[in-house]
Protein backbone atom coordinates (compact mmCIF):
# COMPACT_ATOMS: atom_id res chain seq x y z
CA MET A 1 30.50 61.07 -40.25
CA ASN A 2 31.30 61.78 -43.88
CA ILE A 3 33.11 59.50 -46.32
CA LYS A 4 36.36 61.51 -46.20
CA THR A 5 36.62 61.21 -42.39
CA MET A 6 35.70 57.54 -42.56
CA LYS A 7 38.50 56.88 -45.08
CA LYS A 8 41.00 58.58 -42.74
CA TYR A 9 39.95 56.33 -39.83
CA ILE A 10 40.10 53.21 -41.99
CA GLY A 11 43.53 54.26 -43.28
CA LEU A 12 44.77 54.83 -39.73
CA LEU A 13 43.36 51.47 -38.64
CA CYS A 14 45.16 49.77 -41.55
CA VAL A 15 48.47 51.40 -40.62
CA VAL A 16 48.13 50.34 -36.95
CA PHE A 17 47.19 46.82 -38.04
CA MET A 18 50.21 46.57 -40.38
CA LEU A 19 52.56 47.86 -37.69
CA SER A 20 51.29 45.27 -35.23
CA ILE A 21 51.78 42.51 -37.82
CA LEU A 22 55.30 43.60 -38.73
CA ASN A 23 56.30 44.00 -35.08
CA GLU A 24 59.73 45.32 -36.03
CA GLY A 25 61.15 48.49 -34.53
CA CYS A 26 64.31 50.35 -35.44
CA ALA A 27 66.41 48.61 -32.79
CA THR A 28 65.06 45.20 -33.76
CA ILE A 29 65.83 45.77 -37.45
CA LEU A 30 69.19 47.52 -37.04
CA GLY A 31 70.53 45.90 -33.88
CA GLY A 32 68.90 42.49 -33.64
CA THR A 33 68.08 40.71 -30.39
CA ARG A 34 71.64 39.74 -29.43
CA ASP A 35 74.71 41.81 -28.68
CA VAL A 36 78.35 41.01 -28.11
CA THR A 37 80.30 41.28 -24.89
CA ARG A 38 84.04 40.89 -25.46
CA VAL A 39 85.98 38.80 -22.95
CA GLN A 40 89.51 40.06 -23.45
CA ASN A 41 92.59 38.00 -22.75
CA GLY A 42 93.80 38.30 -19.19
CA THR A 43 95.72 36.30 -16.61
CA PRO A 44 96.07 33.39 -17.13
CA GLU A 45 95.86 33.55 -20.90
CA ASN A 46 93.22 31.54 -22.75
CA ALA A 47 91.04 30.85 -19.71
CA LYS A 48 87.74 29.05 -20.26
CA VAL A 49 84.66 31.26 -20.79
CA TYR A 50 81.14 30.20 -19.77
CA LEU A 51 77.75 31.88 -20.32
CA ASN A 52 75.11 30.75 -17.80
CA GLY A 53 77.19 27.66 -17.00
CA ASN A 54 77.65 26.62 -20.64
CA TYR A 55 81.19 26.49 -22.02
CA ILE A 56 81.47 28.73 -25.08
CA GLY A 57 85.22 28.87 -25.73
CA ASP A 58 88.57 30.19 -24.56
CA ALA A 59 89.47 33.83 -24.00
CA PRO A 60 89.70 36.11 -25.88
CA LYS A 61 86.08 35.48 -26.88
CA ASN A 62 83.09 37.40 -28.19
CA VAL A 63 80.07 36.30 -26.14
CA LYS A 64 76.68 36.70 -27.84
CA VAL A 65 74.37 37.84 -25.06
CA PRO A 66 70.60 38.04 -25.60
CA LYS A 67 69.48 41.66 -25.24
CA LYS A 68 66.22 40.77 -23.49
CA ILE A 69 67.82 40.18 -20.13
CA ASN A 70 66.80 40.95 -16.61
CA GLN A 71 69.47 42.10 -14.22
CA GLY A 72 71.29 39.13 -12.77
CA ASN A 73 69.72 36.82 -15.34
CA HIS A 74 72.92 36.11 -17.33
CA THR A 75 76.37 35.39 -15.95
CA ILE A 76 79.71 35.22 -17.70
CA GLU A 77 82.18 33.09 -15.79
CA ILE A 78 85.90 32.73 -16.46
CA LYS A 79 87.58 29.56 -15.17
CA GLU A 80 90.98 27.94 -15.29
CA GLU A 81 92.32 24.95 -13.40
CA GLY A 82 94.33 26.00 -10.33
CA TYR A 83 92.74 29.48 -10.24
CA LYS A 84 89.73 31.04 -8.52
CA ASN A 85 86.76 31.62 -10.84
CA GLN A 86 85.61 35.11 -11.80
CA LYS A 87 81.90 35.81 -12.30
CA VAL A 88 80.42 38.80 -14.08
CA GLU A 89 76.67 39.45 -13.61
CA MET A 90 75.25 40.97 -16.78
CA THR A 91 72.89 43.94 -16.58
CA ARG A 92 71.21 45.95 -19.30
CA LYS A 93 71.02 49.57 -20.35
CA ILE A 94 68.56 51.26 -22.70
CA SER A 95 70.16 52.43 -25.93
CA ILE A 96 69.26 56.14 -26.09
CA GLY A 97 70.17 56.26 -29.80
CA TYR A 98 67.49 53.72 -30.68
CA VAL A 99 64.93 55.50 -28.46
CA ILE A 100 65.57 58.76 -30.32
CA LEU A 101 65.40 57.00 -33.70
CA ASP A 102 62.12 55.29 -32.75
CA ILE A 103 60.61 58.60 -31.63
CA CYS A 104 61.76 60.39 -34.80
CA THR A 105 60.14 57.69 -36.96
CA GLY A 106 56.77 57.81 -35.26
CA GLY A 107 57.18 56.53 -31.71
CA ILE A 108 55.13 53.38 -32.30
CA TRP A 109 58.38 51.47 -32.89
CA LEU A 110 59.22 51.73 -29.19
CA VAL A 111 56.64 49.03 -28.43
CA PRO A 112 58.18 46.16 -30.44
CA ASP A 113 61.70 47.25 -29.49
CA PHE A 114 60.88 47.00 -25.79
CA ILE A 115 58.95 43.74 -26.27
CA THR A 116 61.79 42.05 -28.18
CA GLY A 117 64.42 43.60 -25.89
CA ALA A 118 66.31 44.97 -28.88
CA ILE A 119 66.32 48.44 -27.31
CA TYR A 120 68.67 47.20 -24.56
CA LYS A 121 72.44 46.86 -24.57
CA PRO A 122 74.03 44.26 -22.28
CA ARG A 123 76.53 45.66 -19.78
CA PRO A 124 79.43 45.38 -19.41
CA ASN A 125 80.37 45.24 -23.09
CA LYS A 126 84.01 44.33 -22.29
CA VAL A 127 85.32 42.01 -19.60
CA LYS A 128 88.96 42.03 -18.54
CA TYR A 129 89.81 39.23 -16.13
CA TYR A 130 92.54 38.48 -13.65
CA LEU A 131 92.25 35.09 -11.95
CA GLU A 132 94.03 34.58 -8.63
CA LYS A 133 95.86 31.33 -7.93
CA LYS A 134 94.19 29.03 -5.39
């Protein structure tokens, strides 16, 4: 192996090492690891909104949902006294735009984006509720 070839391998090794240290893909940098699901006002107005059993405010409310979620792992629940509760099981969907961007910028960025979950978008992204009286 000559010096020129050896320098190429060392350069490639340095790039791979730096990428593994940075561990930031396009989706992680541009989109972060949380996304917003909007709980719109419904009936009754200003119902209480919970994420995984924790009260987070009254509707309308932007709920910050971690992107690294497994199906059925996060639940948004809308409650109001005298009404039946409404539960919404959160799922996730891969953001095709970030996949394309990662591939166009070298493909290696897919790894950290999948590891951090930043490549996913929580679904649904809007929740409209209608609570029935008990």
